[in-house]
PDB file of N, CA and C in Angstrom:
ATOM      1  N   UNK A   1     103.216  64.958 115.052  1.00  0.00           N
ATOM      2  CA  UNK A   1     101.799  64.706 114.884  1.00  0.00           C
ATOM      3  C   UNK A   1     101.156  64.647 116.267  1.00  0.00           C
ATOM      4  N   UNK A   2     100.007  65.263 116.410  1.00  0.00           N
ATOM      5  CA  UNK A   2      99.314  65.284 117.697  1.00  0.00           C
ATOM      6  C   UNK A   2      98.755  63.896 118.015  1.00  0.00           C
ATOM      7  N   UNK A   3      98.514  63.658 119.296  1.00  0.00           N
ATOM      8  CA  UNK A   3      97.963  62.365 119.693  1.00  0.00           C
ATOM      9  C   UNK A   3      96.550  62.177 119.144  1.00  0.00           C
ATOM     10  N   UNK A   4      95.834  63.267 118.935  1.00  0.00           N
ATOM     11  CA  UNK A   4      94.478  63.152 118.387  1.00  0.00           C
ATOM     12  C   UNK A   4      94.516  62.651 116.945  1.00  0.00           C
ATOM     13  N   UNK A   5      95.363  63.270 116.144  1.00  0.00           N
ATOM     14  CA  UNK A   5      95.484  62.858 114.743  1.00  0.00           C
ATOM     15  C   UNK A   5      96.032  61.436 114.655  1.00  0.00           C
ATOM     16  N   UNK A   6      97.035  61.139 115.473  1.00  0.00           N
ATOM     17  CA  UNK A   6      97.602  59.795 115.492  1.00  0.00           C
ATOM     18  C   UNK A   6      96.532  58.765 115.853  1.00  0.00           C
ATOM     19  N   UNK A   7      95.710  59.083 116.842  1.00  0.00           N
ATOM     20  CA  UNK A   7      94.661  58.155 117.278  1.00  0.00           C
ATOM     21  C   UNK A   7      93.644  57.902 116.172  1.00  0.00           C
ATOM     22  N   UNK A   8      93.253  58.945 115.461  1.00  0.00           N
ATOM     23  CA  UNK A   8      92.311  58.780 114.347  1.00  0.00           C
ATOM     24  C   UNK A   8      92.937  57.908 113.258  1.00  0.00           C
ATOM     25  N   UNK A   9      94.185  58.191 112.903  1.00  0.00           N
ATOM     26  CA  UNK A   9      94.856  57.409 111.854  1.00  0.00           C
ATOM     27  C   UNK A   9      95.061  55.960 112.281  1.00  0.00           C
ATOM     28  N   UNK A  10      95.446  55.753 113.534  1.00  0.00           N
ATOM     29  CA  UNK A  10      95.616  54.394 114.045  1.00  0.00           C
ATOM     30  C   UNK A  10      94.272  53.668 114.059  1.00  0.00           C
ATOM     31  N   UNK A  11      93.235  54.350 114.500  1.00  0.00           N
ATOM     32  CA  UNK A  11      91.901  53.751 114.506  1.00  0.00           C
ATOM     33  C   UNK A  11      91.459  53.342 113.114  1.00  0.00           C
ATOM     34  N   UNK A  12      91.717  54.204 112.133  1.00  0.00           N
ATOM     35  CA  UNK A  12      91.375  53.867 110.747  1.00  0.00           C
ATOM     36  C   UNK A  12      92.180  52.658 110.271  1.00  0.00           C
ATOM     37  N   UNK A  13      93.476  52.641 110.580  1.00  0.00           N
ATOM     38  CA  UNK A  13      94.335  51.528 110.150  1.00  0.00           C
ATOM     39  C   UNK A  13      93.870  50.206 110.758  1.00  0.00           C
ATOM     40  N   UNK A  14      93.526  50.221 112.043  1.00  0.00           N
ATOM     41  CA  UNK A  14      93.041  49.002 112.704  1.00  0.00           C
ATOM     42  C   UNK A  14      91.721  48.566 112.069  1.00  0.00           C
ATOM     43  N   UNK A  15      90.831  49.533 111.823  1.00  0.00           N
ATOM     44  CA  UNK A  15      89.549  49.207 111.185  1.00  0.00           C
ATOM     45  C   UNK A  15      89.781  48.578 109.808  1.00  0.00           C
ATOM     46  N   UNK A  16      90.636  49.181 109.003  1.00  0.00           N
ATOM     47  CA  UNK A  16      90.889  48.679 107.656  1.00  0.00           C
ATOM     48  C   UNK A  16      91.465  47.266 107.696  1.00  0.00           C
ATOM     49  N   UNK A  17      92.451  47.052 108.547  1.00  0.00           N
ATOM     50  CA  UNK A  17      93.060  45.727 108.659  1.00  0.00           C
ATOM     51  C   UNK A  17      92.026  44.691 109.111  1.00  0.00           C
ATOM     52  N   UNK A  18      91.259  45.021 110.141  1.00  0.00           N
ATOM     53  CA  UNK A  18      90.252  44.083 110.643  1.00  0.00           C
ATOM     54  C   UNK A  18      89.189  43.799 109.583  1.00  0.00           C
ATOM     55  N   UNK A  19      88.765  44.826 108.870  1.00  0.00           N
ATOM     56  CA  UNK A  19      87.754  44.644 107.827  1.00  0.00           C
ATOM     57  C   UNK A  19      88.280  43.739 106.717  1.00  0.00           C
ATOM     58  N   UNK A  20      89.518  43.950 106.321  1.00  0.00           N
ATOM     59  CA  UNK A  20      90.111  43.099 105.284  1.00  0.00           C
ATOM     60  C   UNK A  20      90.262  41.656 105.761  1.00  0.00           C
ATOM     61  N   UNK A  21      90.641  41.480 107.025  1.00  0.00           N
ATOM     62  CA  UNK A  21      90.766  40.122 107.574  1.00  0.00           C
ATOM     63  C   UNK A  21      89.416  39.416 107.549  1.00  0.00           C
ATOM     64  N   UNK A  22      88.368  40.106 108.011  1.00  0.00           N
ATOM     65  CA  UNK A  22      87.041  39.490 107.993  1.00  0.00           C
ATOM     66  C   UNK A  22      86.548  39.265 106.564  1.00  0.00           C
ATOM     67  N   UNK A  23      86.862  40.169 105.671  1.00  0.00           N
ATOM     68  CA  UNK A  23      86.399  40.053 104.286  1.00  0.00           C
ATOM     69  C   UNK A  23      87.030  38.863 103.570  1.00  0.00           C
ATOM     70  N   UNK A  24      88.314  38.635 103.806  1.00  0.00           N
ATOM     71  CA  UNK A  24      89.003  37.589 103.057  1.00  0.00           C
ATOM     72  C   UNK A  24      89.240  36.301 103.844  1.00  0.00           C
ATOM     73  N   UNK A  25      89.184  36.367 105.177  1.00  0.00           N
ATOM     74  CA  UNK A  25      89.465  35.178 105.984  1.00  0.00           C
ATOM     75  C   UNK A  25      88.388  34.855 107.011  1.00  0.00           C
ATOM     76  N   UNK A  26      87.394  35.698 107.137  1.00  0.00           N
ATOM     77  CA  UNK A  26      86.381  35.539 108.177  1.00  0.00           C
ATOM     78  C   UNK A  26      85.663  34.202 108.160  1.00  0.00           C
ATOM     79  N   UNK A  27      85.485  33.632 106.984  1.00  0.00           N
ATOM     80  CA  UNK A  27      84.794  32.346 106.879  1.00  0.00           C
ATOM     81  C   UNK A  27      85.565  31.221 107.553  1.00  0.00           C
ATOM     82  N   UNK A  28      86.840  31.440 107.854  1.00  0.00           N
ATOM     83  CA  UNK A  28      87.667  30.413 108.492  1.00  0.00           C
ATOM     84  C   UNK A  28      87.651  30.483 110.016  1.00  0.00           C
ATOM     85  N   UNK A  29      87.117  31.576 110.595  1.00  0.00           N
ATOM     86  CA  UNK A  29      87.148  31.681 112.057  1.00  0.00           C
ATOM     87  C   UNK A  29      85.893  32.298 112.677  1.00  0.00           C
ATOM     88  N   UNK A  30      85.041  32.961 111.920  1.00  0.00           N
ATOM     89  CA  UNK A  30      83.869  33.617 112.500  1.00  0.00           C
ATOM     90  C   UNK A  30      82.667  32.683 112.392  1.00  0.00           C
ATOM     91  N   UNK A  31      82.624  31.716 113.321  1.00  0.00           N
ATOM     92  CA  UNK A  31      81.580  30.695 113.339  1.00  0.00           C
ATOM     93  C   UNK A  31      80.560  31.054 114.412  1.00  0.00           C
ATOM     94  N   UNK A  32      79.523  31.760 114.011  1.00  0.00           N
ATOM     95  CA  UNK A  32      78.555  32.271 114.984  1.00  0.00           C
ATOM     96  C   UNK A  32      77.747  31.170 115.653  1.00  0.00           C
ATOM     97  N   UNK A  33      77.667  30.004 115.045  1.00  0.00           N
ATOM     98  CA  UNK A  33      76.902  28.905 115.639  1.00  0.00           C
ATOM     99  C   UNK A  33      77.708  28.135 116.688  1.00  0.00           C
ATOM    100  N   UNK A  34      78.972  28.475 116.858  1.00  0.00           N
ATOM    101  CA  UNK A  34      79.832  27.790 117.821  1.00  0.00           C
ATOM    102  C   UNK A  34      80.108  28.715 119.009  1.00  0.00           C
ATOM    103  N   UNK A  35      79.435  28.480 120.152  1.00  0.00           N
ATOM    104  CA  UNK A  35      79.602  29.372 121.308  1.00  0.00           C
ATOM    105  C   UNK A  35      81.041  29.443 121.827  1.00  0.00           C
ATOM    106  N   UNK A  36      81.772  28.356 121.739  1.00  0.00           N
ATOM    107  CA  UNK A  36      83.152  28.351 122.223  1.00  0.00           C
ATOM    108  C   UNK A  36      84.027  29.272 121.376  1.00  0.00           C
ATOM    109  N   UNK A  37      83.886  29.195 120.080  1.00  0.00           N
ATOM    110  CA  UNK A  37      84.672  30.062 119.192  1.00  0.00           C
ATOM    111  C   UNK A  37      84.268  31.518 119.379  1.00  0.00           C
ATOM    112  N   UNK A  38      82.974  31.781 119.470  1.00  0.00           N
ATOM    113  CA  UNK A  38      82.523  33.164 119.662  1.00  0.00           C
ATOM    114  C   UNK A  38      83.025  33.721 120.993  1.00  0.00           C
ATOM    115  N   UNK A  39      82.990  32.907 122.035  1.00  0.00           N
ATOM    116  CA  UNK A  39      83.521  33.343 123.331  1.00  0.00           C
ATOM    117  C   UNK A  39      85.001  33.661 123.204  1.00  0.00           C
ATOM    118  N   UNK A  40      85.726  32.815 122.498  1.00  0.00           N
ATOM    119  CA  UNK A  40      87.149  33.065 122.272  1.00  0.00           C
ATOM    120  C   UNK A  40      87.400  34.365 121.528  1.00  0.00           C
ATOM    121  N   UNK A  41      86.570  34.662 120.533  1.00  0.00           N
ATOM    122  CA  UNK A  41      86.722  35.917 119.786  1.00  0.00           C
ATOM    123  C   UNK A  41      86.438  37.128 120.673  1.00  0.00           C
ATOM    124  N   UNK A  42      85.447  36.995 121.551  1.00  0.00           N
ATOM    125  CA  UNK A  42      85.155  38.086 122.485  1.00  0.00           C
ATOM    126  C   UNK A  42      86.311  38.286 123.467  1.00  0.00           C
ATOM    127  N   UNK A  43      86.912  37.199 123.899  1.00  0.00           N
ATOM    128  CA  UNK A  43      88.002  37.292 124.881  1.00  0.00           C
ATOM    129  C   UNK A  43      89.282  37.822 124.239  1.00  0.00           C
ATOM    130  N   UNK A  44      89.627  37.321 123.067  1.00  0.00           N
ATOM    131  CA  UNK A  44      90.924  37.672 122.465  1.00  0.00           C
ATOM    132  C   UNK A  44      91.018  39.138 122.067  1.00  0.00           C
ATOM    133  N   UNK A  45      89.879  39.753 121.788  1.00  0.00           N
ATOM    134  CA  UNK A  45      89.910  41.152 121.362  1.00  0.00           C
ATOM    135  C   UNK A  45      90.330  42.076 122.513  1.00  0.00           C
ATOM    136  N   UNK A  46      90.104  41.667 123.748  1.00  0.00           N
ATOM    137  CA  UNK A  46      90.427  42.535 124.888  1.00  0.00           C
ATOM    138  C   UNK A  46      91.932  42.796 124.985  1.00  0.00           C
ATOM    139  N   UNK A  47      92.777  41.768 125.109  1.00  0.00           N
ATOM    140  CA  UNK A  47      94.210  42.075 125.201  1.00  0.00           C
ATOM    141  C   UNK A  47      94.783  42.658 123.908  1.00  0.00           C
ATOM    142  N   UNK A  48      94.252  42.236 122.771  1.00  0.00           N
ATOM    143  CA  UNK A  48      94.757  42.743 121.497  1.00  0.00           C
ATOM    144  C   UNK A  48      94.520  44.248 121.371  1.00  0.00           C
ATOM    145  N   UNK A  49      93.291  44.680 121.572  1.00  0.00           N
ATOM    146  CA  UNK A  49      92.995  46.109 121.466  1.00  0.00           C
ATOM    147  C   UNK A  49      93.547  46.887 122.657  1.00  0.00           C
ATOM    148  N   UNK A  50      93.628  46.242 123.808  1.00  0.00           N
ATOM    149  CA  UNK A  50      94.242  46.894 124.970  1.00  0.00           C
ATOM    150  C   UNK A  50      95.706  47.198 124.724  1.00  0.00           C
ATOM    151  N   UNK A  51      96.404  46.262 124.103  1.00  0.00           N
ATOM    152  CA  UNK A  51      97.810  46.475 123.763  1.00  0.00           C
ATOM    153  C   UNK A  51      97.957  47.655 122.811  1.00  0.00           C
ATOM    154  N   UNK A  52      97.134  47.679 121.766  1.00  0.00           N
ATOM    155  CA  UNK A  52      97.202  48.762 120.778  1.00  0.00           C
ATOM    156  C   UNK A  52      96.892  50.103 121.429  1.00  0.00           C
ATOM    157  N   UNK A  53      95.820  50.155 122.209  1.00  0.00           N
ATOM    158  CA  UNK A  53      95.429  51.414 122.857  1.00  0.00           C
ATOM    159  C   UNK A  53      96.508  51.891 123.819  1.00  0.00           C
ATOM    160  N   UNK A  54      97.018  50.998 124.646  1.00  0.00           N
ATOM    161  CA  UNK A  54      98.032  51.405 125.620  1.00  0.00           C
ATOM    162  C   UNK A  54      99.323  51.855 124.956  1.00  0.00           C
ATOM    163  N   UNK A  55      99.689  51.235 123.846  1.00  0.00           N
ATOM    164  CA  UNK A  55     100.879  51.696 123.114  1.00  0.00           C
ATOM    165  C   UNK A  55     100.674  53.120 122.609  1.00  0.00           C
ATOM    166  N   UNK A  56      99.475  53.411 122.128  1.00  0.00           N
ATOM    167  CA  UNK A  56      99.176  54.775 121.672  1.00  0.00           C
ATOM    168  C   UNK A  56      99.225  55.753 122.840  1.00  0.00           C
ATOM    169  N   UNK A  57      98.668  55.363 123.989  1.00  0.00           N
ATOM    170  CA  UNK A  57      98.688  56.234 125.168  1.00  0.00           C
ATOM    171  C   UNK A  57     100.124  56.490 125.621  1.00  0.00           C
ATOM    172  N   UNK A  58     100.936  55.443 125.623  1.00  0.00           N
ATOM    173  CA  UNK A  58     102.324  55.567 126.071  1.00  0.00           C
ATOM    174  C   UNK A  58     103.170  56.368 125.095  1.00  0.00           C
ATOM    175  N   UNK A  59     102.920  56.215 123.811  1.00  0.00           N
ATOM    176  CA  UNK A  59     103.705  56.923 122.794  1.00  0.00           C
ATOM    177  C   UNK A  59     103.682  58.426 123.039  1.00  0.00           C
ATOM    178  N   UNK A  60     102.530  58.929 123.461  1.00  0.00           N
ATOM    179  CA  UNK A  60     102.384  60.367 123.687  1.00  0.00           C
ATOM    180  C   UNK A  60     102.363  60.733 125.172  1.00  0.00           C
ATOM    181  N   UNK A  61     102.651  59.769 126.032  1.00  0.00           N
ATOM    182  CA  UNK A  61     102.676  59.981 127.482  1.00  0.00           C
ATOM    183  C   UNK A  61     101.414  60.719 127.937  1.00  0.00           C
ATOM    184  N   UNK A  62     100.281  60.152 127.587  1.00  0.00           N
ATOM    185  CA  UNK A  62      99.005  60.804 127.850  1.00  0.00           C
ATOM    186  C   UNK A  62      98.595  60.696 129.310  1.00  0.00           C
ATOM    187  N   UNK A  63      97.962  61.746 129.770  1.00  0.00           N
ATOM    188  CA  UNK A  63      97.347  61.720 131.096  1.00  0.00           C
ATOM    189  C   UNK A  63      96.072  60.885 131.002  1.00  0.00           C
ATOM    190  N   UNK A  64      95.448  60.639 132.138  1.00  0.00           N
ATOM    191  CA  UNK A  64      94.215  59.855 132.128  1.00  0.00           C
ATOM    192  C   UNK A  64      93.108  60.543 131.325  1.00  0.00           C
ATOM    193  N   UNK A  65      92.866  61.846 131.511  1.00  0.00           N
ATOM    194  CA  UNK A  65      91.842  62.498 130.674  1.00  0.00           C
ATOM    195  C   UNK A  65      92.191  62.480 129.179  1.00  0.00           C
ATOM    196  N   UNK A  66      93.456  62.636 128.852  1.00  0.00           N
ATOM    197  CA  UNK A  66      93.863  62.565 127.446  1.00  0.00           C
ATOM    198  C   UNK A  66      93.686  61.149 126.890  1.00  0.00           C
ATOM    199  N   UNK A  67      93.893  60.145 127.738  1.00  0.00           N
ATOM    200  CA  UNK A  67      93.703  58.757 127.307  1.00  0.00           C
ATOM    201  C   UNK A  67      92.238  58.483 126.984  1.00  0.00           C
ATOM    202  N   UNK A  68      91.344  59.056 127.775  1.00  0.00           N
ATOM    203  CA  UNK A  68      89.914  58.916 127.487  1.00  0.00           C
ATOM    204  C   UNK A  68      89.611  59.530 126.121  1.00  0.00           C
ATOM    205  N   UNK A  69      90.125  60.729 125.919  1.00  0.00           N
ATOM    206  CA  UNK A  69      89.909  61.420 124.650  1.00  0.00           C
ATOM    207  C   UNK A  69      90.515  60.628 123.483  1.00  0.00           C
ATOM    208  N   UNK A  70      91.724  60.129 123.669  1.00  0.00           N
ATOM    209  CA  UNK A  70      92.383  59.356 122.613  1.00  0.00           C
ATOM    210  C   UNK A  70      91.605  58.085 122.290  1.00  0.00           C
ATOM    211  N   UNK A  71      91.029  57.449 123.308  1.00  0.00           N
ATOM    212  CA  UNK A  71      90.260  56.231 123.047  1.00  0.00           C
ATOM    213  C   UNK A  71      89.032  56.533 122.187  1.00  0.00           C
ATOM    214  N   UNK A  72      88.429  57.697 122.388  1.00  0.00           N
ATOM    215  CA  UNK A  72      87.297  58.098 121.537  1.00  0.00           C
ATOM    216  C   UNK A  72      87.776  58.289 120.101  1.00  0.00           C
ATOM    217  N   UNK A  73      88.900  58.965 119.941  1.00  0.00           N
ATOM    218  CA  UNK A  73      89.451  59.173 118.595  1.00  0.00           C
ATOM    219  C   UNK A  73      89.864  57.852 117.945  1.00  0.00           C
ATOM    220  N   UNK A  74      90.291  56.887 118.750  1.00  0.00           N
ATOM    221  CA  UNK A  74      90.667  55.580 118.206  1.00  0.00           C
ATOM    222  C   UNK A  74      89.469  54.836 117.626  1.00  0.00           C
ATOM    223  N   UNK A  75      88.335  54.880 118.323  1.00  0.00           N
ATOM    224  CA  UNK A  75      87.189  54.082 117.877  1.00  0.00           C
ATOM    225  C   UNK A  75      86.303  54.793 116.859  1.00  0.00           C
ATOM    226  N   UNK A  76      86.352  56.104 116.815  1.00  0.00           N
ATOM    227  CA  UNK A  76      85.422  56.850 115.972  1.00  0.00           C
ATOM    228  C   UNK A  76      85.488  56.501 114.477  1.00  0.00           C
ATOM    229  N   UNK A  77      86.663  56.408 113.865  1.00  0.00           N
ATOM    230  CA  UNK A  77      86.682  56.063 112.430  1.00  0.00           C
ATOM    231  C   UNK A  77      86.014  54.714 112.144  1.00  0.00           C
ATOM    232  N   UNK A  78      86.347  53.723 112.939  1.00  0.00           N
ATOM    233  CA  UNK A  78      85.767  52.398 112.729  1.00  0.00           C
ATOM    234  C   UNK A  78      84.278  52.360 112.985  1.00  0.00           C
ATOM    235  N   UNK A  79      83.832  53.049 114.028  1.00  0.00           N
ATOM    236  CA  UNK A  79      82.399  53.059 114.318  1.00  0.00           C
ATOM    237  C   UNK A  79      81.615  53.686 113.169  1.00  0.00           C
ATOM    238  N   UNK A  80      82.132  54.773 112.637  1.00  0.00           N
ATOM    239  CA  UNK A  80      81.449  55.433 111.525  1.00  0.00           C
ATOM    240  C   UNK A  80      81.460  54.568 110.264  1.00  0.00           C
ATOM    241  N   UNK A  81      82.596  53.981 109.959  1.00  0.00           N
ATOM    242  CA  UNK A  81      82.707  53.164 108.748  1.00  0.00           C
ATOM    243  C   UNK A  81      81.972  51.828 108.875  1.00  0.00           C
ATOM    244  N   UNK A  82      81.906  51.299 110.091  1.00  0.00           N
ATOM    245  CA  UNK A  82      81.201  50.031 110.281  1.00  0.00           C
ATOM    246  C   UNK A  82      79.690  50.170 110.153  1.00  0.00           C
ATOM    247  N   UNK A  83      79.175  51.387 110.238  1.00  0.00           N
ATOM    248  CA  UNK A  83      77.754  51.592 109.952  1.00  0.00           C
ATOM    249  C   UNK A  83      77.454  51.094 108.536  1.00  0.00           C
ATOM    250  N   UNK A  84      78.320  51.446 107.598  1.00  0.00           N
ATOM    251  CA  UNK A  84      78.152  51.013 106.206  1.00  0.00           C
ATOM    252  C   UNK A  84      78.366  49.502 106.092  1.00  0.00           C
ATOM    253  N   UNK A  85      79.386  49.001 106.776  1.00  0.00           N
ATOM    254  CA  UNK A  85      79.680  47.562 106.700  1.00  0.00           C
ATOM    255  C   UNK A  85      78.528  46.713 107.231  1.00  0.00           C
ATOM    256  N   UNK A  86      77.907  47.162 108.299  1.00  0.00           N
ATOM    257  CA  UNK A  86      76.798  46.392 108.868  1.00  0.00           C
ATOM    258  C   UNK A  86      75.539  46.560 108.018  1.00  0.00           C
ATOM    259  N   UNK A  87      75.281  47.774 107.564  1.00  0.00           N
ATOM    260  CA  UNK A  87      74.095  48.016 106.733  1.00  0.00           C
ATOM    261  C   UNK A  87      74.140  47.192 105.445  1.00  0.00           C
ATOM    262  N   UNK A  88      75.322  47.073 104.861  1.00  0.00           N
ATOM    263  CA  UNK A  88      75.493  46.324 103.614  1.00  0.00           C
ATOM    264  C   UNK A  88      76.333  45.070 103.863  1.00  0.00           C
ATOM    265  N   UNK A  89      76.025  44.380 104.945  1.00  0.00           N
ATOM    266  CA  UNK A  89      76.814  43.241 105.406  1.00  0.00           C
ATOM    267  C   UNK A  89      77.024  42.197 104.307  1.00  0.00           C
ATOM    268  N   UNK A  90      75.971  41.799 103.642  1.00  0.00           N
ATOM    269  CA  UNK A  90      76.075  40.736 102.631  1.00  0.00           C
ATOM    270  C   UNK A  90      76.960  41.143 101.453  1.00  0.00           C
ATOM    271  N   UNK A  91      76.983  42.430 101.136  1.00  0.00           N
ATOM    272  CA  UNK A  91      77.810  42.895 100.027  1.00  0.00           C
ATOM    273  C   UNK A  91      79.271  43.087 100.449  1.00  0.00           C
ATOM    274  N   UNK A  92      79.479  43.577 101.665  1.00  0.00           N
ATOM    275  CA  UNK A  92      80.846  43.820 102.150  1.00  0.00           C
ATOM    276  C   UNK A  92      81.528  42.514 102.529  1.00  0.00           C
ATOM    277  N   UNK A  93      80.756  41.585 103.105  1.00  0.00           N
ATOM    278  CA  UNK A  93      81.308  40.308 103.567  1.00  0.00           C
ATOM    279  C   UNK A  93      80.566  39.139 102.906  1.00  0.00           C
ATOM    280  N   UNK A  94      80.715  38.979 101.600  1.00  0.00           N
ATOM    281  CA  UNK A  94      80.003  37.882 100.927  1.00  0.00           C
ATOM    282  C   UNK A  94      80.501  36.503 101.348  1.00  0.00           C
ATOM    283  N   UNK A  95      81.645  36.464 101.981  1.00  0.00           N
ATOM    284  CA  UNK A  95      82.218  35.204 102.454  1.00  0.00           C
ATOM    285  C   UNK A  95      81.601  34.739 103.772  1.00  0.00           C
ATOM    286  N   UNK A  96      80.818  35.600 104.435  1.00  0.00           N
ATOM    287  CA  UNK A  96      80.174  35.254 105.700  1.00  0.00           C
ATOM    288  C   UNK A  96      78.684  35.049 105.474  1.00  0.00           C
ATOM    289  N   UNK A  97      78.093  34.232 106.317  1.00  0.00           N
ATOM    290  CA  UNK A  97      76.651  34.011 106.237  1.00  0.00           C
ATOM    291  C   UNK A  97      75.913  35.315 106.541  1.00  0.00           C
ATOM    292  N   UNK A  98      74.890  35.637 105.769  1.00  0.00           N
ATOM    293  CA  UNK A  98      74.109  36.843 106.074  1.00  0.00           C
ATOM    294  C   UNK A  98      73.503  36.808 107.480  1.00  0.00           C
ATOM    295  N   UNK A  99      73.314  35.605 108.022  1.00  0.00           N
ATOM    296  CA  UNK A  99      72.782  35.462 109.382  1.00  0.00           C
ATOM    297  C   UNK A  99      73.798  35.885 110.443  1.00  0.00           C
ATOM    298  N   UNK A 100      75.051  36.082 110.052  1.00  0.00           N
ATOM    299  CA  UNK A 100      76.103  36.465 111.004  1.00  0.00           C
ATOM    300  C   UNK A 100      76.116  37.961 111.278  1.00  0.00           C
ATOM    301  N   UNK A 101      75.255  38.721 110.609  1.00  0.00           N
ATOM    302  CA  UNK A 101      75.313  40.180 110.743  1.00  0.00           C
ATOM    303  C   UNK A 101      75.088  40.670 112.170  1.00  0.00           C
ATOM    304  N   UNK A 102      74.119  40.108 112.876  1.00  0.00           N
ATOM    305  CA  UNK A 102      73.857  40.550 114.252  1.00  0.00           C
ATOM    306  C   UNK A 102      75.027  40.197 115.171  1.00  0.00           C
ATOM    307  N   UNK A 103      75.563  38.998 115.031  1.00  0.00           N
ATOM    308  CA  UNK A 103      76.715  38.601 115.852  1.00  0.00           C
ATOM    309  C   UNK A 103      77.925  39.464 115.546  1.00  0.00           C
ATOM    310  N   UNK A 104      78.103  39.787 114.290  1.00  0.00           N
ATOM    311  CA  UNK A 104      79.212  40.651 113.888  1.00  0.00           C
ATOM    312  C   UNK A 104      79.047  42.041 114.501  1.00  0.00           C
ATOM    313  N   UNK A 105      77.851  42.596 114.414  1.00  0.00           N
ATOM    314  CA  UNK A 105      77.590  43.910 115.007  1.00  0.00           C
ATOM    315  C   UNK A 105      77.796  43.908 116.512  1.00  0.00           C
ATOM    316  N   UNK A 106      77.350  42.853 117.178  1.00  0.00           N
ATOM    317  CA  UNK A 106      77.536  42.753 118.629  1.00  0.00           C
ATOM    318  C   UNK A 106      79.017  42.656 118.981  1.00  0.00           C
ATOM    319  N   UNK A 107      79.751  41.865 118.210  1.00  0.00           N
ATOM    320  CA  UNK A 107      81.188  41.724 118.463  1.00  0.00           C
ATOM    321  C   UNK A 107      81.907  43.052 118.251  1.00  0.00           C
ATOM    322  N   UNK A 108      81.505  43.806 117.222  1.00  0.00           N
ATOM    323  CA  UNK A 108      82.099  45.125 116.987  1.00  0.00           C
ATOM    324  C   UNK A 108      81.844  46.065 118.160  1.00  0.00           C
ATOM    325  N   UNK A 109      80.610  46.067 118.661  1.00  0.00           N
ATOM    326  CA  UNK A 109      80.304  46.942 119.801  1.00  0.00           C
ATOM    327  C   UNK A 109      81.171  46.575 121.003  1.00  0.00           C
ATOM    328  N   UNK A 110      81.356  45.284 121.227  1.00  0.00           N
ATOM    329  CA  UNK A 110      82.213  44.809 122.309  1.00  0.00           C
ATOM    330  C   UNK A 110      83.649  45.307 122.112  1.00  0.00           C
ATOM    331  N   UNK A 111      84.149  45.200 120.892  1.00  0.00           N
ATOM    332  CA  UNK A 111      85.519  45.627 120.597  1.00  0.00           C
ATOM    333  C   UNK A 111      85.682  47.128 120.829  1.00  0.00           C
ATOM    334  N   UNK A 112      84.754  47.921 120.316  1.00  0.00           N
ATOM    335  CA  UNK A 112      84.843  49.371 120.502  1.00  0.00           C
ATOM    336  C   UNK A 112      84.702  49.747 121.973  1.00  0.00           C
ATOM    337  N   UNK A 113      83.789  49.094 122.665  1.00  0.00           N
ATOM    338  CA  UNK A 113      83.613  49.380 124.094  1.00  0.00           C
ATOM    339  C   UNK A 113      84.874  49.043 124.878  1.00  0.00           C
ATOM    340  N   UNK A 114      85.558  47.971 124.504  1.00  0.00           N
ATOM    341  CA  UNK A 114      86.771  47.598 125.238  1.00  0.00           C
ATOM    342  C   UNK A 114      87.847  48.671 125.108  1.00  0.00           C
ATOM    343  N   UNK A 115      87.972  49.283 123.938  1.00  0.00           N
ATOM    344  CA  UNK A 115      88.949  50.370 123.768  1.00  0.00           C
ATOM    345  C   UNK A 115      88.567  51.555 124.650  1.00  0.00           C
ATOM    346  N   UNK A 116      87.284  51.892 124.677  1.00  0.00           N
ATOM    347  CA  UNK A 116      86.833  53.005 125.520  1.00  0.00           C
ATOM    348  C   UNK A 116      87.081  52.719 126.996  1.00  0.00           C
ATOM    349  N   UNK A 117      86.868  51.481 127.407  1.00  0.00           N
ATOM    350  CA  UNK A 117      87.121  51.110 128.805  1.00  0.00           C
ATOM    351  C   UNK A 117      88.606  51.226 129.133  1.00  0.00           C
ATOM    352  N   UNK A 118      89.472  50.843 128.213  1.00  0.00           N
ATOM    353  CA  UNK A 118      90.909  51.004 128.464  1.00  0.00           C
ATOM    354  C   UNK A 118      91.260  52.467 128.685  1.00  0.00           C
ATOM    355  N   UNK A 119      90.648  53.367 127.934  1.00  0.00           N
ATOM    356  CA  UNK A 119      90.883  54.791 128.151  1.00  0.00           C
ATOM    357  C   UNK A 119      90.347  55.257 129.489  1.00  0.00           C
ATOM    358  N   UNK A 120      89.162  54.781 129.864  1.00  0.00           N
ATOM    359  CA  UNK A 120      88.546  55.188 131.131  1.00  0.00           C
ATOM    360  C   UNK A 120      89.291  54.666 132.353  1.00  0.00           C
ATOM    361  N   UNK A 121      89.783  53.449 132.269  1.00  0.00           N
ATOM    362  CA  UNK A 121      90.405  52.811 133.430  1.00  0.00           C
ATOM    363  C   UNK A 121      91.902  53.048 133.543  1.00  0.00           C
ATOM    364  N   UNK A 122      92.451  53.769 132.614  1.00  0.00           N
ATOM    365  CA  UNK A 122      93.893  54.026 132.652  1.00  0.00           C
ATOM    366  C   UNK A 122      94.252  54.782 133.920  1.00  0.00           C
ATOM    367  N   UNK A 123      95.207  54.240 134.628  1.00  0.00           N
ATOM    368  CA  UNK A 123      95.664  54.884 135.861  1.00  0.00           C
ATOM    369  C   UNK A 123      96.663  55.982 135.523  1.00  0.00           C
ATOM    370  N   UNK A 124      96.941  56.801 136.499  1.00  0.00           N
ATOM    371  CA  UNK A 124      97.913  57.878 136.300  1.00  0.00           C
ATOM    372  C   UNK A 124      99.258  57.253 135.929  1.00  0.00           C
ATOM    373  N   UNK A 125      99.758  57.555 134.728  1.00  0.00           N
ATOM    374  CA  UNK A 125     101.017  56.943 134.291  1.00  0.00           C
ATOM    375  C   UNK A 125     102.217  57.513 135.044  1.00  0.00           C
ATOM    376  N   UNK A 126     103.208  56.674 135.212  1.00  0.00           N
ATOM    377  CA  UNK A 126     104.464  57.081 135.846  1.00  0.00           C
ATOM    378  C   UNK A 126     105.533  57.144 134.763  1.00  0.00           C
ATOM    379  N   UNK A 127     105.758  58.339 134.236  1.00  0.00           N
ATOM    380  CA  UNK A 127     106.761  58.507 133.197  1.00  0.00           C
ATOM    381  C   UNK A 127     108.056  59.005 133.821  1.00  0.00           C
ATOM    382  N   UNK A 128     109.192  58.524 133.308  1.00  0.00           N
ATOM    383  CA  UNK A 128     110.472  59.001 133.833  1.00  0.00           C
ATOM    384  C   UNK A 128     110.635  60.499 133.560  1.00  0.00           C
ATOM    385  N   UNK A 129     111.261  61.168 134.498  1.00  0.00           N
ATOM    386  CA  UNK A 129     111.455  62.627 134.362  1.00  0.00           C
ATOM    387  C   UNK A 129     112.553  62.957 133.383  1.00  0.00           C
TER     388      UNK A 129
END
């Protein structure tokens, strides 16, 4: 399987898992009125998504330009599908306050941007010959 197809499938899988977690458990941790918790959610997504992205880059021994491309393929499925999730926030996430929609959208943009930054900042990999 090509790294492009793998990246799209991985991106979809991450989106689906995250969406299900927020749908069924989000009310237990997505407290938009608590700045400390929100800051923690913004911080924790960086190493988590960085780990996933870098594993995908390493699996295919991608060059830096290929890593940029793969990061786009990783985020694209979720970005497209989250348009629907945000537009119909109250229906998709009835367990969350409807007032959380803007914070949720902002957090999603942060998460997607972090994956793109990992692709952009990837240094030239040193793979064994």
